[in-house]
């Protein structure tokens, strides 16, 4: 197999702002091993998408060096260019990478980028925006808004504080959800259209979600039996996925969902906030090819 041609897109402000320091030693090792490596320091989400598209069209493996938002923006460009991407975790959460078994260990990342297999995975389309992880609304998206306002704080502080702060003034809206199976109206704390099922720096929020099954796992945490006084315990249980055993929580599987609400609700996608309701989310099965760790599960694909 010929050496890979790699273009790394580096977000200089991801995490603690040290993504360039994470990437450069890896780039040097890859070049020494014979890989063709180019590095682009990105300046905006638009720049990320266009650079990813151009590199994908040129047949290069596009590496997202940053957090979940960076991974999403690179993924959108790579899907559009019908290319192959990889991830070097460099953000505060890194939940999407973690779900694929991608660690921050330099030796493991080197082997993955040099010779890791390629796996075809699903993405979500949220009114034209490619989402690799999840679309979420409710107290979760309120917490995301708060996290993004606390960028000067250490990640562990921001993530731990955001949930309690979001609960202080929370009032659950009534959602209208239209899936493959029909329309449902429910007052709920959270609605999550999941592809990866992980977010919030380690929360296993939708344990049943799989990135290669061609389906959205739609979780609804209703207010029936889940009052505000229960929310702290509910979020603690989400660390292991135990929250889905509550009677107030149900998960249905669908290929598309349209979500509306009776009041303003932030729309969260992979650590960022976009758009307003209503929003339609569809699954695009096998739309993205990802380089995964050497011992990860692979699907037939060309890199």
Protein backbone atom coordinates (compact mmCIF):
# COMPACT_ATOMS: atom_id res chain seq x y z
CA UNK A 1 0.00 0.00 0.00
CA UNK A 2 1.39 3.39 -0.99
CA UNK A 3 1.95 5.98 1.77
CA UNK A 4 -1.10 8.03 2.62
CA UNK A 5 -1.51 11.60 1.47
CA UNK A 6 -2.73 13.53 4.50
CA UNK A 7 -4.02 17.07 4.97
CA UNK A 8 -4.50 18.06 8.60
CA UNK A 9 -6.89 20.88 9.40
CA UNK A 10 -5.90 22.28 12.79
CA UNK A 11 -8.18 24.40 14.95
CA UNK A 12 -5.80 26.68 16.89
CA UNK A 13 -8.36 27.48 19.60
CA UNK A 14 -9.72 23.99 20.34
CA UNK A 15 -9.37 22.75 23.89
CA UNK A 16 -6.67 24.71 25.64
CA UNK A 17 -5.42 26.13 22.35
CA UNK A 18 -2.71 23.48 22.06
CA UNK A 19 -3.95 21.58 18.99
CA UNK A 20 -0.91 22.71 16.93
CA UNK A 21 1.39 21.29 19.62
CA UNK A 22 -0.57 18.03 19.57
CA UNK A 23 -0.36 17.75 15.78
CA UNK A 24 3.21 18.77 14.87
CA UNK A 25 5.05 15.84 16.53
CA UNK A 26 2.63 13.44 14.83
CA UNK A 27 3.17 15.15 11.48
CA UNK A 28 6.94 14.82 11.83
CA UNK A 29 6.68 11.10 12.61
CA UNK A 30 4.31 10.52 9.68
CA UNK A 31 6.64 12.32 7.27
CA UNK A 32 9.57 10.28 8.55
CA UNK A 33 7.53 7.13 7.84
CA UNK A 34 6.93 8.23 4.22
CA UNK A 35 3.52 9.89 4.40
CA UNK A 36 2.82 13.04 2.40
CA UNK A 37 1.62 15.47 5.09
CA UNK A 38 0.27 19.00 4.71
CA UNK A 39 -1.00 21.19 7.57
CA UNK A 40 -3.60 23.94 7.38
CA UNK A 41 -4.33 26.12 10.41
CA UNK A 42 -7.99 27.07 10.09
CA UNK A 43 -9.54 30.49 10.65
CA UNK A 44 -13.31 29.89 10.58
CA UNK A 45 -15.97 27.21 10.18
CA UNK A 46 -16.35 28.25 6.53
CA UNK A 47 -12.61 27.90 5.98
CA UNK A 48 -12.71 24.43 7.56
CA UNK A 49 -15.51 23.24 5.29
CA UNK A 50 -13.95 24.56 2.10
CA UNK A 51 -10.45 23.27 2.94
CA UNK A 52 -11.85 19.85 3.83
CA UNK A 53 -13.83 19.72 0.58
CA UNK A 54 -10.78 20.66 -1.51
CA UNK A 55 -8.52 18.12 0.18
CA UNK A 56 -11.14 15.38 -0.10
CA UNK A 57 -11.62 16.09 -3.80
CA UNK A 58 -7.83 15.81 -4.22
CA UNK A 59 -7.93 12.29 -2.77
CA UNK A 60 -6.17 13.17 0.48
CA UNK A 61 -7.12 11.85 3.92
CA UNK A 62 -8.46 14.89 5.78
CA UNK A 63 -7.55 14.94 9.48
CA UNK A 64 -9.62 17.01 11.90
CA UNK A 65 -7.36 18.21 14.73
CA UNK A 66 -9.65 19.69 17.34
CA UNK A 67 -12.88 19.08 19.21
CA UNK A 68 -16.31 17.78 18.25
CA UNK A 69 -17.30 21.01 16.48
CA UNK A 70 -14.16 20.87 14.34
CA UNK A 71 -14.82 17.21 13.57
CA UNK A 72 -18.34 18.10 12.44
CA UNK A 73 -17.17 20.92 10.16
CA UNK A 74 -14.47 18.76 8.59
CA UNK A 75 -16.95 15.92 8.18
CA UNK A 76 -19.33 18.15 6.26
CA UNK A 77 -16.64 19.08 3.77
CA UNK A 78 -15.42 15.51 3.42
CA UNK A 79 -18.92 14.14 2.83
CA UNK A 80 -19.46 16.80 0.16
CA UNK A 81 -16.15 15.84 -1.46
CA UNK A 82 -16.79 12.08 -1.14
CA UNK A 83 -13.49 11.66 0.66
CA UNK A 84 -11.92 10.02 3.71
CA UNK A 85 -11.33 11.66 7.08
CA UNK A 86 -9.61 10.95 10.38
CA UNK A 87 -9.63 12.57 13.82
CA UNK A 88 -6.88 13.64 16.19
CA UNK A 89 -8.66 14.65 19.42
CA UNK A 90 -7.80 18.17 20.52
CA UNK A 91 -10.96 19.60 22.08
CA UNK A 92 -12.60 19.73 25.47
CA UNK A 93 -15.09 16.88 24.97
CA UNK A 94 -13.81 14.65 22.12
CA UNK A 95 -16.91 12.47 22.48
CA UNK A 96 -17.20 11.47 18.83
CA UNK A 97 -13.58 10.28 18.69
CA UNK A 98 -13.98 8.42 21.97
CA UNK A 99 -17.00 6.58 20.60
CA UNK A 100 -14.90 5.26 17.71
CA UNK A 101 -12.14 4.12 20.07
CA UNK A 102 -9.81 6.97 19.07
CA UNK A 103 -7.64 7.95 22.03
CA UNK A 104 -5.21 10.81 22.61
CA UNK A 105 -2.24 8.44 22.81
CA UNK A 106 0.37 9.64 20.25
CA UNK A 107 1.63 6.15 19.38
CA UNK A 108 -1.90 4.87 18.72
CA UNK A 109 -2.74 7.93 16.64
CA UNK A 110 0.44 7.50 14.59
CA UNK A 111 -0.38 3.88 13.74
CA UNK A 112 -3.99 4.79 12.91
CA UNK A 113 -3.06 7.63 10.58
CA UNK A 114 -0.31 5.65 8.90
CA UNK A 115 -2.13 2.36 8.33
CA UNK A 116 -5.50 2.28 10.10
CA UNK A 117 -8.45 0.72 8.24
CA UNK A 118 -11.32 2.74 6.82
CA UNK A 119 -14.85 2.35 8.14
CA UNK A 120 -18.03 3.62 6.50
CA UNK A 121 -20.34 5.37 8.97
CA UNK A 122 -23.63 7.24 8.94
CA UNK A 123 -24.08 10.97 9.35
CA UNK A 124 -27.14 13.03 10.16
CA UNK A 125 -28.46 15.80 7.95
CA UNK A 126 -30.05 18.57 10.05
CA UNK A 127 -31.70 20.90 7.53
CA UNK A 128 -28.62 20.66 5.34
CA UNK A 129 -25.98 20.65 8.09
CA UNK A 130 -23.95 17.44 8.32
CA UNK A 131 -23.82 16.17 11.92
CA UNK A 132 -21.58 13.29 12.92
CA UNK A 133 -22.71 12.89 16.51
CA UNK A 134 -26.10 14.08 17.73
CA UNK A 135 -28.78 16.75 17.45
CA UNK A 136 -30.21 17.64 20.86
CA UNK A 137 -32.77 20.01 22.27
CA UNK A 138 -33.89 20.91 25.76
CA UNK A 139 -31.92 21.17 28.95
CA UNK A 140 -28.96 19.56 27.15
CA UNK A 141 -28.80 22.31 24.53
CA UNK A 142 -29.26 24.93 27.25
CA UNK A 143 -26.19 23.44 28.97
CA UNK A 144 -24.23 23.55 25.69
CA UNK A 145 -24.98 27.26 25.40
CA UNK A 146 -23.57 27.78 28.89
CA UNK A 147 -20.47 25.64 28.23
CA UNK A 148 -19.64 27.74 25.18
CA UNK A 149 -19.85 30.88 27.32
CA UNK A 150 -17.30 29.42 29.76
CA UNK A 151 -14.38 28.89 27.41
CA UNK A 152 -11.96 30.53 29.84
CA UNK A 153 -12.70 27.85 32.43
CA UNK A 154 -11.06 24.39 32.46
CA UNK A 155 -13.16 21.84 30.56
CA UNK A 156 -13.96 19.78 33.63
CA UNK A 157 -15.29 22.87 35.44
CA UNK A 158 -17.38 24.06 32.49
CA UNK A 159 -18.99 20.67 31.89
CA UNK A 160 -19.74 20.01 35.56
CA UNK A 161 -21.18 23.48 36.16
CA UNK A 162 -23.32 23.71 33.02
CA UNK A 163 -25.94 21.16 34.07
CA UNK A 164 -26.81 22.70 37.46
CA UNK A 165 -26.78 26.20 35.95
CA UNK A 166 -29.08 25.13 33.13
CA UNK A 167 -31.55 23.70 35.64
CA UNK A 168 -31.93 26.95 37.60
CA UNK A 169 -34.41 28.59 35.24
CA UNK A 170 -35.43 25.56 33.18
CA UNK A 171 -39.03 25.13 32.05
CA UNK A 172 -39.73 22.10 29.90
CA UNK A 173 -41.43 22.89 26.56
CA UNK A 174 -43.93 20.78 24.68
CA UNK A 175 -42.39 19.14 21.62
CA UNK A 176 -44.10 17.87 18.49
CA UNK A 177 -42.14 15.00 16.96
CA UNK A 178 -42.87 13.49 13.55
CA UNK A 179 -41.02 10.24 12.85
CA UNK A 180 -41.42 7.36 10.40
CA UNK A 181 -44.08 6.02 12.76
CA UNK A 182 -46.25 9.15 13.02
CA UNK A 183 -46.62 12.32 15.09
CA UNK A 184 -46.36 12.63 18.87
CA UNK A 185 -46.74 15.61 21.23
CA UNK A 186 -44.93 15.44 24.56
CA UNK A 187 -43.70 17.78 27.27
CA UNK A 188 -40.05 16.85 27.69
CA UNK A 189 -36.78 17.88 29.26
CA UNK A 190 -34.70 16.46 26.41
CA UNK A 191 -35.11 15.31 22.83
CA UNK A 192 -32.02 13.76 21.23
CA UNK A 193 -31.65 12.53 17.65
CA UNK A 194 -28.58 10.34 18.05
CA UNK A 195 -26.05 8.96 15.62
CA UNK A 196 -23.12 8.36 18.00
CA UNK A 197 -25.09 8.64 21.25
CA UNK A 198 -22.27 10.32 23.20
CA UNK A 199 -21.71 13.91 24.25
CA UNK A 200 -21.08 16.15 27.24
CA UNK A 201 -17.52 14.93 27.86
CA UNK A 202 -18.31 11.29 28.53
CA UNK A 203 -22.09 11.01 28.82
CA UNK A 204 -23.48 7.82 27.28
CA UNK A 205 -26.69 9.65 26.54
CA UNK A 206 -28.21 7.22 24.00
CA UNK A 207 -26.47 3.88 24.60
CA UNK A 208 -28.32 2.05 21.82
CA UNK A 209 -27.11 4.41 19.07
CA UNK A 210 -24.73 2.99 16.47
CA UNK A 211 -22.92 4.95 13.77
CA UNK A 212 -23.37 2.34 11.05
CA UNK A 213 -26.93 1.00 11.33
CA UNK A 214 -28.66 3.47 9.01
CA UNK A 215 -31.02 4.70 11.75
CA UNK A 216 -31.52 7.59 14.16
CA UNK A 217 -32.08 6.62 17.79
CA UNK A 218 -34.52 9.26 19.07
CA UNK A 219 -34.49 9.61 22.86
CA UNK A 220 -37.24 11.50 24.65
CA UNK A 221 -37.02 12.26 28.37
CA UNK A 222 -40.56 13.36 29.25
CA UNK A 223 -41.62 15.29 32.34
CA UNK A 224 -44.02 12.50 33.30
CA UNK A 225 -42.24 10.97 36.29
CA UNK A 226 -39.11 13.08 35.79
CA UNK A 227 -39.54 16.33 37.69
CA UNK A 228 -36.95 19.06 38.05
CA UNK A 229 -35.88 17.60 41.39
CA UNK A 230 -34.90 14.39 39.60
CA UNK A 231 -32.75 15.99 36.90
CA UNK A 232 -29.45 15.93 38.80
CA UNK A 233 -29.79 12.20 39.41
CA UNK A 234 -30.86 11.68 35.80
CA UNK A 235 -27.73 13.41 34.48
CA UNK A 236 -25.52 11.44 36.86
CA UNK A 237 -27.05 8.21 35.55
CA UNK A 238 -26.30 9.34 31.98
CA UNK A 239 -22.62 8.79 32.71
CA UNK A 240 -23.22 5.05 32.40
CA UNK A 241 -26.41 5.00 30.33
CA UNK A 242 -28.50 3.88 33.31
CA UNK A 243 -30.92 6.80 32.81
CA UNK A 244 -32.64 4.99 29.92
CA UNK A 245 -34.14 2.53 32.41
CA UNK A 246 -36.36 5.29 33.80
CA UNK A 247 -40.05 5.09 32.83
CA UNK A 248 -39.90 8.71 31.65
CA UNK A 249 -37.31 7.84 28.99
CA UNK A 250 -38.07 6.09 25.72
CA UNK A 251 -36.10 5.54 22.54
CA UNK A 252 -37.54 4.94 19.08
CA UNK A 253 -35.64 4.24 15.88
CA UNK A 254 -36.40 6.17 12.73
CA UNK A 255 -34.81 7.34 9.49
CA UNK A 256 -36.04 10.91 9.92
CA UNK A 257 -37.61 13.17 12.53
CA UNK A 258 -39.07 16.67 12.40
CA UNK A 259 -38.94 18.49 15.74
CA UNK A 260 -40.99 21.54 16.75
CA UNK A 261 -41.76 23.10 20.14
CA UNK A 262 -44.19 25.56 21.70
CA UNK A 263 -41.41 27.94 22.73
CA UNK A 264 -37.81 28.91 21.91
CA UNK A 265 -35.37 26.06 22.47
CA UNK A 266 -31.66 26.08 21.51
CA UNK A 267 -30.72 23.48 18.89
CA UNK A 268 -27.47 21.76 19.84
CA UNK A 269 -25.25 19.83 17.44
CA UNK A 270 -21.94 18.30 18.48
CA UNK A 271 -21.02 20.94 21.03
CA UNK A 272 -22.38 23.98 19.18
CA UNK A 273 -25.69 25.73 18.70
CA UNK A 274 -27.32 26.20 15.32
CA UNK A 275 -30.60 27.31 13.85
CA UNK A 276 -34.09 27.36 15.28
CA UNK A 277 -37.07 25.07 15.37
CA UNK A 278 -38.67 23.41 13.56
CA UNK A 279 -35.84 21.26 12.27
CA UNK A 280 -35.81 18.06 10.24
CA UNK A 281 -33.09 15.48 10.84
CA UNK A 282 -32.45 12.64 8.42
CA UNK A 283 -29.88 9.85 8.42
CA UNK A 284 -27.49 9.48 5.50
CA UNK A 285 -26.41 5.87 5.76
CA UNK A 286 -22.72 5.12 5.11
CA UNK A 287 -22.09 8.66 3.86
CA UNK A 288 -18.69 9.15 5.53
CA UNK A 289 -15.51 7.08 5.38
CA UNK A 290 -13.40 7.28 8.53
CA UNK A 291 -9.91 6.06 9.33
CA UNK A 292 -10.18 4.17 12.62
CA UNK A 293 -7.64 2.60 14.99
CA UNK A 294 -5.71 -0.38 13.71
CA UNK A 295 -7.62 -2.76 15.98
CA UNK A 296 -10.99 -1.09 15.23
CA UNK A 297 -13.80 -2.51 13.15
CA UNK A 298 -13.43 -1.71 9.46
CA UNK A 299 -15.76 -1.75 6.49
CA UNK A 300 -14.56 -2.26 2.90
CA UNK A 301 -13.45 1.09 1.52
CA UNK A 302 -10.61 2.75 -0.28
CA UNK A 303 -8.25 5.16 1.50
